[in-house]
Amino acid sequence: MTDALGRPEPDADDAAAERERLRQEVRELRAKVRSRALIAQAQGVLTERYRLRGPEAAFALMQQASQRFNIKLRTVAEAVLTFPRPEPGRALWFPGRTRRGAPPLDMLGLDGAGRAHHSEVLSAVLTQTLAITNTPMGNVQLADRAERALRIEKHTGLSADFVDFFAVVGDQGTSCAKAAAELAQTTVHDVATDPVFTSAARQAILEAGSRACHSVPLVTAEGTCVGMVSAHLERPIQDLHPAQLKALEQTGQQAGAWLAWHRRTIVADALEHLHAIARDPAAIPETRRP
């Protein structure tokens, strides 16, 4: 078939594929904008703090720390902005820091917690949570200290529109926000009627095929929420069994303890490395403009 100008009309499947490609492109651009703003802010801090020759040098510092310690560039930037700044003139960012071994991850089925990768642990948290709640849909969020929000890091079984809508959520209008604020597991028995959601959030969840959800805070021993894991179910549910709640609580506690250890150990190591290099400008590697 052709249009009024004699041009062939696009096939329906091709048109749908093109729409989805454009949506994905928009999602990726939004994610890049969020990350670039944070990274640019950290570049400014480092450039001023170490009197660097420009933001490119600051980017190179963070890039090297990210690669050396196998953590995201965004994580390095966030740490630069949220860790207490080093004392001027000191050779170490964290003088007198005591290193402790990694807490166990046996509830997540992982051995060698000290060698585990950040992404591996988050995947294990999600897998364990979905196994306990018997559902294929869920996501893991991390507390973003710079944005004071929860940011999706892992997900499965959820639509791209869902992930885009809840990429970063604030402190109100969702079950995960409520669970984070109360440091307690939160069950939504029926998304369609529970008042915890804003109307837009409710619609996004229902359109993703979720009618119930259960959010588990990832909590440190000091009582700080460092993340959230949520299971989504396709039908309204009753209360979870006490054994399920206990297993989920242990999962959240182990994951929270490990994430806290990772931040004060691996992420702090990355900052210490960055600090040492920054004190010797000649050692800063060259890099392309970000």
C-alpha atoms as a PDB file:
ATOM      1  CA  MET A   1       0.000   0.000   0.000  1.00  0.00           C
ATOM      2  CA  THR A   2       1.038   3.597  -0.654  1.00  0.00           C
ATOM      3  CA  ASP A   3       0.183   6.936   0.956  1.00  0.00           C
ATOM      4  CA  ALA A   4      -1.295  10.002  -0.798  1.00  0.00           C
ATOM      5  CA  LEU A   5       2.125  10.857  -2.244  1.00  0.00           C
ATOM      6  CA  GLY A   6       2.672   7.396  -3.629  1.00  0.00           C
ATOM      7  CA  ARG A   7       5.178   6.399  -0.984  1.00  0.00           C
ATOM      8  CA  PRO A   8       4.940   2.882   0.476  1.00  0.00           C
ATOM      9  CA  GLU A   9       3.225   2.842   3.862  1.00  0.00           C
ATOM     10  CA  PRO A  10       5.242   1.256   6.656  1.00  0.00           C
ATOM     11  CA  ASP A  11       4.323  -2.220   7.771  1.00  0.00           C
ATOM     12  CA  ALA A  12       2.513  -2.272  11.137  1.00  0.00           C
ATOM     13  CA  ASP A  13       5.203  -4.438  12.714  1.00  0.00           C
ATOM     14  CA  ASP A  14       7.924  -2.168  11.380  1.00  0.00           C
ATOM     15  CA  ALA A  15       6.129   0.893  12.730  1.00  0.00           C
ATOM     16  CA  ALA A  16       5.766  -0.704  16.166  1.00  0.00           C
ATOM     17  CA  ALA A  17       9.426  -1.668  16.185  1.00  0.00           C
ATOM     18  CA  GLU A  18      10.418   1.872  15.246  1.00  0.00           C
ATOM     19  CA  ARG A  19       8.267   3.343  18.038  1.00  0.00           C
ATOM     20  CA  GLU A  20       9.884   1.020  20.556  1.00  0.00           C
ATOM     21  CA  ARG A  21      13.345   1.900  19.255  1.00  0.00           C
ATOM     22  CA  LEU A  22      12.609   5.599  19.720  1.00  0.00           C
ATOM     23  CA  ARG A  23      11.242   5.004  23.225  1.00  0.00           C
ATOM     24  CA  GLN A  24      14.383   3.100  24.167  1.00  0.00           C
ATOM     25  CA  GLU A  25      16.521   5.888  22.774  1.00  0.00           C
ATOM     26  CA  VAL A  26      14.647   8.429  24.908  1.00  0.00           C
ATOM     27  CA  ARG A  27      15.086   6.255  28.008  1.00  0.00           C
ATOM     28  CA  GLU A  28      18.819   5.982  27.414  1.00  0.00           C
ATOM     29  CA  LEU A  29      19.134   9.730  26.866  1.00  0.00           C
ATOM     30  CA  ARG A  30      17.294  10.427  30.128  1.00  0.00           C
ATOM     31  CA  ALA A  31      19.600   8.066  32.012  1.00  0.00           C
ATOM     32  CA  LYS A  32      22.661   9.719  30.471  1.00  0.00           C
ATOM     33  CA  VAL A  33      21.420  13.183  31.396  1.00  0.00           C
ATOM     34  CA  ARG A  34      20.916  12.140  35.016  1.00  0.00           C
ATOM     35  CA  SER A  35      24.380  10.589  35.224  1.00  0.00           C
ATOM     36  CA  ARG A  36      26.127  13.396  33.356  1.00  0.00           C
ATOM     37  CA  ALA A  37      24.723  16.032  35.706  1.00  0.00           C
ATOM     38  CA  LEU A  38      26.074  14.163  38.734  1.00  0.00           C
ATOM     39  CA  ILE A  39      29.436  13.494  37.095  1.00  0.00           C
ATOM     40  CA  ALA A  40      29.765  17.126  36.018  1.00  0.00           C
ATOM     41  CA  GLN A  41      29.103  18.250  39.583  1.00  0.00           C
ATOM     42  CA  ALA A  42      31.813  15.916  40.892  1.00  0.00           C
ATOM     43  CA  GLN A  43      34.205  17.164  38.192  1.00  0.00           C
ATOM     44  CA  GLY A  44      33.715  20.695  39.464  1.00  0.00           C
ATOM     45  CA  VAL A  45      34.385  19.668  43.062  1.00  0.00           C
ATOM     46  CA  LEU A  46      37.578  17.808  42.153  1.00  0.00           C
ATOM     47  CA  THR A  47      38.840  20.561  39.868  1.00  0.00           C
ATOM     48  CA  GLU A  48      38.494  23.109  42.665  1.00  0.00           C
ATOM     49  CA  ARG A  49      39.727  20.862  45.466  1.00  0.00           C
ATOM     50  CA  TYR A  50      42.930  19.724  43.756  1.00  0.00           C
ATOM     51  CA  ARG A  51      43.420  22.762  41.516  1.00  0.00           C
ATOM     52  CA  LEU A  52      43.359  20.576  38.445  1.00  0.00           C
ATOM     53  CA  ARG A  53      43.981  21.863  34.945  1.00  0.00           C
ATOM     54  CA  GLY A  54      40.327  21.403  34.001  1.00  0.00           C
ATOM     55  CA  PRO A  55      37.254  19.153  34.169  1.00  0.00           C
ATOM     56  CA  GLU A  56      38.866  16.655  31.774  1.00  0.00           C
ATOM     57  CA  ALA A  57      41.529  15.908  34.372  1.00  0.00           C
ATOM     58  CA  ALA A  58      38.852  15.426  37.017  1.00  0.00           C
ATOM     59  CA  PHE A  59      36.985  13.044  34.713  1.00  0.00           C
ATOM     60  CA  ALA A  60      40.207  11.094  34.128  1.00  0.00           C
ATOM     61  CA  LEU A  61      40.681  10.684  37.880  1.00  0.00           C
ATOM     62  CA  MET A  62      37.188   9.282  38.366  1.00  0.00           C
ATOM     63  CA  GLN A  63      37.475   7.113  35.273  1.00  0.00           C
ATOM     64  CA  GLN A  64      40.693   5.524  36.501  1.00  0.00           C
ATOM     65  CA  ALA A  65      39.242   4.893  39.976  1.00  0.00           C
ATOM     66  CA  SER A  66      36.125   3.378  38.402  1.00  0.00           C
ATOM     67  CA  GLN A  67      38.117   0.976  36.232  1.00  0.00           C
ATOM     68  CA  ARG A  68      40.692   0.031  38.855  1.00  0.00           C
ATOM     69  CA  PHE A  69      38.109  -0.876  41.509  1.00  0.00           C
ATOM     70  CA  ASN A  70      35.427  -2.166  39.150  1.00  0.00           C
ATOM     71  CA  ILE A  71      32.712   0.233  40.241  1.00  0.00           C
ATOM     72  CA  LYS A  72      30.490   2.478  38.152  1.00  0.00           C
ATOM     73  CA  LEU A  73      31.690   5.940  37.236  1.00  0.00           C
ATOM     74  CA  ARG A  74      28.443   7.287  38.656  1.00  0.00           C
ATOM     75  CA  THR A  75      29.242   5.593  41.981  1.00  0.00           C
ATOM     76  CA  VAL A  76      32.633   7.306  42.116  1.00  0.00           C
ATOM     77  CA  ALA A  77      31.027  10.676  41.357  1.00  0.00           C
ATOM     78  CA  GLU A  78      28.362  10.172  44.017  1.00  0.00           C
ATOM     79  CA  ALA A  79      31.025   9.230  46.558  1.00  0.00           C
ATOM     80  CA  VAL A  80      33.043  12.354  45.757  1.00  0.00           C
ATOM     81  CA  LEU A  81      29.952  14.431  46.511  1.00  0.00           C
ATOM     82  CA  THR A  82      28.680  12.593  49.591  1.00  0.00           C
ATOM     83  CA  PHE A  83      31.730  11.334  51.536  1.00  0.00           C
ATOM     84  CA  PRO A  84      33.287  13.795  54.016  1.00  0.00           C
ATOM     85  CA  ARG A  85      35.959  15.727  52.132  1.00  0.00           C
ATOM     86  CA  PRO A  86      39.628  14.999  52.935  1.00  0.00           C
ATOM     87  CA  GLU A  87      41.541  17.343  55.189  1.00  0.00           C
ATOM     88  CA  PRO A  88      43.626  19.795  53.119  1.00  0.00           C
ATOM     89  CA  GLY A  89      47.261  18.766  52.833  1.00  0.00           C
ATOM     90  CA  ARG A  90      46.791  15.262  54.211  1.00  0.00           C
ATOM     91  CA  ALA A  91      48.342  12.388  52.311  1.00  0.00           C
ATOM     92  CA  LEU A  92      45.357  10.114  53.032  1.00  0.00           C
ATOM     93  CA  TRP A  93      41.682  10.779  52.514  1.00  0.00           C
ATOM     94  CA  PHE A  94      40.781   8.359  55.334  1.00  0.00           C
ATOM     95  CA  PRO A  95      43.655   8.324  57.871  1.00  0.00           C
ATOM     96  CA  GLY A  96      43.328   5.643  60.518  1.00  0.00           C
ATOM     97  CA  ARG A  97      40.617   3.745  58.644  1.00  0.00           C
ATOM     98  CA  THR A  98      40.039   0.230  59.995  1.00  0.00           C
ATOM     99  CA  ARG A  99      39.404  -2.438  57.381  1.00  0.00           C
ATOM    100  CA  ARG A 100      36.981  -5.228  58.218  1.00  0.00           C
ATOM    101  CA  GLY A 101      36.108  -8.412  56.388  1.00  0.00           C
ATOM    102  CA  ALA A 102      33.005  -8.603  54.249  1.00  0.00           C
ATOM    103  CA  PRO A 103      29.841  -9.814  55.998  1.00  0.00           C
ATOM    104  CA  PRO A 104      28.464 -13.201  54.883  1.00  0.00           C
ATOM    105  CA  LEU A 105      26.062 -13.632  51.990  1.00  0.00           C
ATOM    106  CA  ASP A 106      24.918 -17.185  52.671  1.00  0.00           C
ATOM    107  CA  MET A 107      21.230 -16.183  52.560  1.00  0.00           C
ATOM    108  CA  LEU A 108      21.856 -15.107  48.975  1.00  0.00           C
ATOM    109  CA  GLY A 109      23.659 -18.314  48.064  1.00  0.00           C
ATOM    110  CA  LEU A 110      27.012 -16.583  47.579  1.00  0.00           C
ATOM    111  CA  ASP A 111      30.361 -17.759  48.905  1.00  0.00           C
ATOM    112  CA  GLY A 112      33.422 -15.563  49.215  1.00  0.00           C
ATOM    113  CA  ALA A 113      31.600 -12.335  50.090  1.00  0.00           C
ATOM    114  CA  GLY A 114      34.857 -10.396  49.988  1.00  0.00           C
ATOM    115  CA  ARG A 115      35.341 -11.322  46.324  1.00  0.00           C
ATOM    116  CA  ALA A 116      31.732 -10.801  45.252  1.00  0.00           C
ATOM    117  CA  HIS A 117      30.987  -8.099  42.700  1.00  0.00           C
ATOM    118  CA  HIS A 118      28.429  -5.401  43.419  1.00  0.00           C
ATOM    119  CA  SER A 119      26.258  -6.375  40.445  1.00  0.00           C
ATOM    120  CA  GLU A 120      26.448 -10.054  41.382  1.00  0.00           C
ATOM    121  CA  VAL A 121      25.143  -9.322  44.871  1.00  0.00           C
ATOM    122  CA  LEU A 122      22.231  -7.233  43.591  1.00  0.00           C
ATOM    123  CA  SER A 123      21.277 -10.005  41.156  1.00  0.00           C
ATOM    124  CA  ALA A 124      21.367 -12.540  43.986  1.00  0.00           C
ATOM    125  CA  VAL A 125      19.168 -10.311  46.165  1.00  0.00           C
ATOM    126  CA  LEU A 126      16.581 -10.105  43.395  1.00  0.00           C
ATOM    127  CA  THR A 127      16.698 -13.827  42.616  1.00  0.00           C
ATOM    128  CA  GLN A 128      16.283 -14.781  46.277  1.00  0.00           C
ATOM    129  CA  THR A 129      13.395 -12.377  46.794  1.00  0.00           C
ATOM    130  CA  LEU A 130      11.513 -13.623  43.751  1.00  0.00           C
ATOM    131  CA  ALA A 131      12.049 -17.236  44.832  1.00  0.00           C
ATOM    132  CA  ILE A 132      10.625 -16.532  48.295  1.00  0.00           C
ATOM    133  CA  THR A 133       7.587 -14.703  46.930  1.00  0.00           C
ATOM    134  CA  ASN A 134       7.122 -17.035  43.957  1.00  0.00           C
ATOM    135  CA  THR A 135       6.917 -14.430  41.217  1.00  0.00           C
ATOM    136  CA  PRO A 136       8.952 -13.637  38.079  1.00  0.00           C
ATOM    137  CA  MET A 137       8.633  -9.839  38.398  1.00  0.00           C
ATOM    138  CA  GLY A 138      10.744  -7.578  40.573  1.00  0.00           C
ATOM    139  CA  ASN A 139      13.413  -4.945  40.901  1.00  0.00           C
ATOM    140  CA  VAL A 140      16.261  -3.773  43.105  1.00  0.00           C
ATOM    141  CA  GLN A 141      16.841  -0.109  43.906  1.00  0.00           C
ATOM    142  CA  LEU A 142      19.749   1.600  45.603  1.00  0.00           C
ATOM    143  CA  ALA A 143      19.592   4.684  47.775  1.00  0.00           C
ATOM    144  CA  ASP A 144      21.023   7.570  45.774  1.00  0.00           C
ATOM    145  CA  ARG A 145      22.577   9.843  48.378  1.00  0.00           C
ATOM    146  CA  ALA A 146      23.181  12.648  45.923  1.00  0.00           C
ATOM    147  CA  GLU A 147      19.577  12.766  44.717  1.00  0.00           C
ATOM    148  CA  ARG A 148      18.037  11.588  48.022  1.00  0.00           C
ATOM    149  CA  ALA A 149      16.003   9.034  46.117  1.00  0.00           C
ATOM    150  CA  LEU A 150      15.806   5.356  45.166  1.00  0.00           C
ATOM    151  CA  ARG A 151      17.276   4.405  41.781  1.00  0.00           C
ATOM    152  CA  ILE A 152      16.578   1.137  39.913  1.00  0.00           C
ATOM    153  CA  GLU A 153      19.695  -0.989  39.436  1.00  0.00           C
ATOM    154  CA  LYS A 154      18.311  -4.435  38.565  1.00  0.00           C
ATOM    155  CA  HIS A 155      14.957  -5.623  37.263  1.00  0.00           C
ATOM    156  CA  THR A 156      13.316  -8.603  35.622  1.00  0.00           C
ATOM    157  CA  GLY A 157       9.874  -9.351  34.190  1.00  0.00           C
ATOM    158  CA  LEU A 158       8.855  -5.676  34.167  1.00  0.00           C
ATOM    159  CA  SER A 159       8.044  -3.571  31.133  1.00  0.00           C
ATOM    160  CA  ALA A 160      10.414  -0.947  29.771  1.00  0.00           C
ATOM    161  CA  ASP A 161       7.779   1.700  30.492  1.00  0.00           C
ATOM    162  CA  PHE A 162       7.682   0.602  34.147  1.00  0.00           C
ATOM    163  CA  VAL A 163      11.458   0.810  34.455  1.00  0.00           C
ATOM    164  CA  ASP A 164      11.464   4.219  32.791  1.00  0.00           C
ATOM    165  CA  PHE A 165       8.702   5.600  35.041  1.00  0.00           C
ATOM    166  CA  PHE A 166      10.299   4.328  38.269  1.00  0.00           C
ATOM    167  CA  ALA A 167      13.936   4.857  37.274  1.00  0.00           C
ATOM    168  CA  VAL A 168      14.303   7.311  40.163  1.00  0.00           C
ATOM    169  CA  VAL A 169      11.620   7.684  42.839  1.00  0.00           C
ATOM    170  CA  GLY A 170      11.349  10.125  45.708  1.00  0.00           C
ATOM    171  CA  ASP A 171      10.147   9.679  49.271  1.00  0.00           C
ATOM    172  CA  GLN A 172       6.394   9.551  48.607  1.00  0.00           C
ATOM    173  CA  GLY A 173       3.825   7.891  46.402  1.00  0.00           C
ATOM    174  CA  THR A 174       5.133   4.301  46.205  1.00  0.00           C
ATOM    175  CA  SER A 175       5.348   1.220  48.409  1.00  0.00           C
ATOM    176  CA  CYS A 176       9.151   1.247  48.230  1.00  0.00           C
ATOM    177  CA  ALA A 177       9.224   4.848  49.461  1.00  0.00           C
ATOM    178  CA  LYS A 178       6.992   3.863  52.388  1.00  0.00           C
ATOM    179  CA  ALA A 179       9.164   0.830  53.206  1.00  0.00           C
ATOM    180  CA  ALA A 180      12.311   3.000  53.105  1.00  0.00           C
ATOM    181  CA  ALA A 181      10.799   5.647  55.368  1.00  0.00           C
ATOM    182  CA  GLU A 182       9.513   3.133  57.912  1.00  0.00           C
ATOM    183  CA  LEU A 183      12.472   0.718  57.613  1.00  0.00           C
ATOM    184  CA  ALA A 184       9.902  -2.065  57.447  1.00  0.00           C
ATOM    185  CA  GLN A 185       8.584  -4.501  54.861  1.00  0.00           C
ATOM    186  CA  THR A 186       5.516  -3.206  53.070  1.00  0.00           C
ATOM    187  CA  THR A 187       2.865  -5.358  51.407  1.00  0.00           C
ATOM    188  CA  VAL A 188       0.412  -3.933  48.898  1.00  0.00           C
ATOM    189  CA  HIS A 189      -2.363  -6.479  48.672  1.00  0.00           C
ATOM    190  CA  ASP A 190      -4.055  -4.814  45.702  1.00  0.00           C
ATOM    191  CA  VAL A 191      -2.369  -2.059  43.703  1.00  0.00           C
ATOM    192  CA  ALA A 192      -5.720  -0.954  42.287  1.00  0.00           C
ATOM    193  CA  THR A 193      -7.061   0.124  45.688  1.00  0.00           C
ATOM    194  CA  ASP A 194      -4.096   0.801  47.974  1.00  0.00           C
ATOM    195  CA  PRO A 195      -3.810   4.534  48.815  1.00  0.00           C
ATOM    196  CA  VAL A 196       0.001   4.449  49.077  1.00  0.00           C
ATOM    197  CA  PHE A 197       0.374   5.160  45.351  1.00  0.00           C
ATOM    198  CA  THR A 198      -0.082   8.348  43.412  1.00  0.00           C
ATOM    199  CA  SER A 199      -2.526   7.949  40.537  1.00  0.00           C
ATOM    200  CA  ALA A 200       0.298   8.038  37.971  1.00  0.00           C
ATOM    201  CA  ALA A 201       2.350   5.435  39.840  1.00  0.00           C
ATOM    202  CA  ARG A 202      -0.696   3.183  40.228  1.00  0.00           C
ATOM    203  CA  GLN A 203      -1.409   3.343  36.508  1.00  0.00           C
ATOM    204  CA  ALA A 204       2.218   2.571  35.597  1.00  0.00           C
ATOM    205  CA  ILE A 205       2.251  -0.488  37.861  1.00  0.00           C
ATOM    206  CA  LEU A 206      -1.083  -1.826  36.657  1.00  0.00           C
ATOM    207  CA  GLU A 207      -0.071  -1.374  33.017  1.00  0.00           C
ATOM    208  CA  ALA A 208       3.032  -3.466  33.749  1.00  0.00           C
ATOM    209  CA  GLY A 209       0.793  -6.358  34.816  1.00  0.00           C
ATOM    210  CA  SER A 210       1.336  -6.042  38.567  1.00  0.00           C
ATOM    211  CA  ARG A 211      -1.658  -6.205  40.918  1.00  0.00           C
ATOM    212  CA  ALA A 212       0.268  -6.633  44.173  1.00  0.00           C
ATOM    213  CA  CYS A 213       3.758  -6.000  45.469  1.00  0.00           C
ATOM    214  CA  HIS A 214       5.988  -6.496  48.460  1.00  0.00           C
ATOM    215  CA  SER A 215       8.925  -4.194  49.237  1.00  0.00           C
ATOM    216  CA  VAL A 216      11.852  -5.181  51.468  1.00  0.00           C
ATOM    217  CA  PRO A 217      14.322  -2.534  52.698  1.00  0.00           C
ATOM    218  CA  LEU A 218      18.026  -3.369  52.514  1.00  0.00           C
ATOM    219  CA  VAL A 219      19.076  -2.161  55.958  1.00  0.00           C
ATOM    220  CA  THR A 220      22.465  -1.768  57.646  1.00  0.00           C
ATOM    221  CA  ALA A 221      23.212  -2.805  61.211  1.00  0.00           C
ATOM    222  CA  GLU A 222      22.993   0.892  62.128  1.00  0.00           C
ATOM    223  CA  GLY A 223      19.437   1.085  60.791  1.00  0.00           C
ATOM    224  CA  THR A 224      20.085   2.908  57.523  1.00  0.00           C
ATOM    225  CA  CYS A 225      18.202   1.989  54.371  1.00  0.00           C
ATOM    226  CA  VAL A 226      20.724   1.585  51.557  1.00  0.00           C
ATOM    227  CA  GLY A 227      18.388   0.035  49.027  1.00  0.00           C
ATOM    228  CA  MET A 228      15.148  -1.780  48.329  1.00  0.00           C
ATOM    229  CA  VAL A 229      14.068  -5.005  46.686  1.00  0.00           C
ATOM    230  CA  SER A 230      10.484  -5.339  45.508  1.00  0.00           C
ATOM    231  CA  ALA A 231       8.529  -8.320  44.223  1.00  0.00           C
ATOM    232  CA  HIS A 232       5.549  -7.746  41.911  1.00  0.00           C
ATOM    233  CA  LEU A 233       2.739 -10.258  41.556  1.00  0.00           C
ATOM    234  CA  GLU A 234       0.131 -10.532  38.821  1.00  0.00           C
ATOM    235  CA  ARG A 235      -2.848 -11.009  41.183  1.00  0.00           C
ATOM    236  CA  PRO A 236      -3.986  -9.461  44.488  1.00  0.00           C
ATOM    237  CA  ILE A 237      -2.507 -11.305  47.460  1.00  0.00           C
ATOM    238  CA  GLN A 238      -3.110 -11.990  51.132  1.00  0.00           C
ATOM    239  CA  ASP A 239      -0.476 -11.430  53.820  1.00  0.00           C
ATOM    240  CA  LEU A 240       2.759 -13.338  53.295  1.00  0.00           C
ATOM    241  CA  HIS A 241       3.488 -16.311  55.534  1.00  0.00           C
ATOM    242  CA  PRO A 242       5.620 -15.516  58.614  1.00  0.00           C
ATOM    243  CA  ALA A 243       8.348 -17.803  57.269  1.00  0.00           C
ATOM    244  CA  GLN A 244       8.430 -15.790  54.034  1.00  0.00           C
ATOM    245  CA  LEU A 245       8.604 -12.520  55.965  1.00  0.00           C
ATOM    246  CA  LYS A 246      11.481 -13.834  58.083  1.00  0.00           C
ATOM    247  CA  ALA A 247      13.430 -15.039  55.053  1.00  0.00           C
ATOM    248  CA  LEU A 248      12.909 -11.704  53.319  1.00  0.00           C
ATOM    249  CA  GLU A 249      14.015  -9.819  56.420  1.00  0.00           C
ATOM    250  CA  GLN A 250      17.234 -11.857  56.596  1.00  0.00           C
ATOM    251  CA  THR A 251      17.811 -11.263  52.884  1.00  0.00           C
ATOM    252  CA  GLY A 252      17.412  -7.519  53.358  1.00  0.00           C
ATOM    253  CA  GLN A 253      19.708  -7.452  56.381  1.00  0.00           C
ATOM    254  CA  GLN A 254      22.501  -9.434  54.729  1.00  0.00           C
ATOM    255  CA  ALA A 255      22.333  -7.395  51.548  1.00  0.00           C
ATOM    256  CA  GLY A 256      22.232  -4.135  53.501  1.00  0.00           C
ATOM    257  CA  ALA A 257      25.243  -5.106  55.601  1.00  0.00           C
ATOM    258  CA  TRP A 258      27.243  -6.095  52.516  1.00  0.00           C
ATOM    259  CA  LEU A 259      26.345  -2.913  50.608  1.00  0.00           C
ATOM    260  CA  ALA A 260      27.431  -0.815  53.592  1.00  0.00           C
ATOM    261  CA  TRP A 261      30.717  -2.753  53.735  1.00  0.00           C
ATOM    262  CA  HIS A 262      31.249  -2.269  50.003  1.00  0.00           C
ATOM    263  CA  ARG A 263      30.772   1.487  50.307  1.00  0.00           C
ATOM    264  CA  ARG A 264      33.099   1.973  53.279  1.00  0.00           C
ATOM    265  CA  THR A 265      35.699  -0.444  51.878  1.00  0.00           C
ATOM    266  CA  ILE A 266      35.765  -0.718  48.077  1.00  0.00           C
ATOM    267  CA  VAL A 267      34.304   2.694  47.287  1.00  0.00           C
ATOM    268  CA  ALA A 268      36.501   4.301  49.952  1.00  0.00           C
ATOM    269  CA  ASP A 269      39.516   2.521  48.430  1.00  0.00           C
ATOM    270  CA  ALA A 270      38.626   4.094  45.085  1.00  0.00           C
ATOM    271  CA  LEU A 271      38.489   7.549  46.661  1.00  0.00           C
ATOM    272  CA  GLU A 272      41.795   6.972  48.437  1.00  0.00           C
ATOM    273  CA  HIS A 273      43.381   6.026  45.113  1.00  0.00           C
ATOM    274  CA  LEU A 274      41.868   9.079  43.435  1.00  0.00           C
ATOM    275  CA  HIS A 275      43.181  11.305  46.239  1.00  0.00           C
ATOM    276  CA  ALA A 276      46.723   9.938  45.936  1.00  0.00           C
ATOM    277  CA  ILE A 277      46.813  10.494  42.171  1.00  0.00           C
ATOM    278  CA  ALA A 278      45.255  13.962  42.398  1.00  0.00           C
ATOM    279  CA  ARG A 279      47.991  15.116  44.753  1.00  0.00           C
ATOM    280  CA  ASP A 280      50.487  14.460  41.932  1.00  0.00           C
ATOM    281  CA  PRO A 281      48.997  16.202  38.864  1.00  0.00           C
ATOM    282  CA  ALA A 282      51.672  14.767  36.566  1.00  0.00           C
ATOM    283  CA  ALA A 283      50.300  11.296  37.316  1.00  0.00           C
ATOM    284  CA  ILE A 284      46.771  12.064  36.170  1.00  0.00           C
ATOM    285  CA  PRO A 285      46.055  10.064  32.997  1.00  0.00           C
ATOM    286  CA  GLU A 286      44.879  11.698  29.815  1.00  0.00           C
ATOM    287  CA  THR A 287      41.343  11.003  28.643  1.00  0.00           C
ATOM    288  CA  ARG A 288      38.902  12.049  25.980  1.00  0.00           C
ATOM    289  CA  ARG A 289      36.330  14.635  26.881  1.00  0.00           C
ATOM    290  CA  PRO A 290      33.312  12.997  28.531  1.00  0.00           C
END
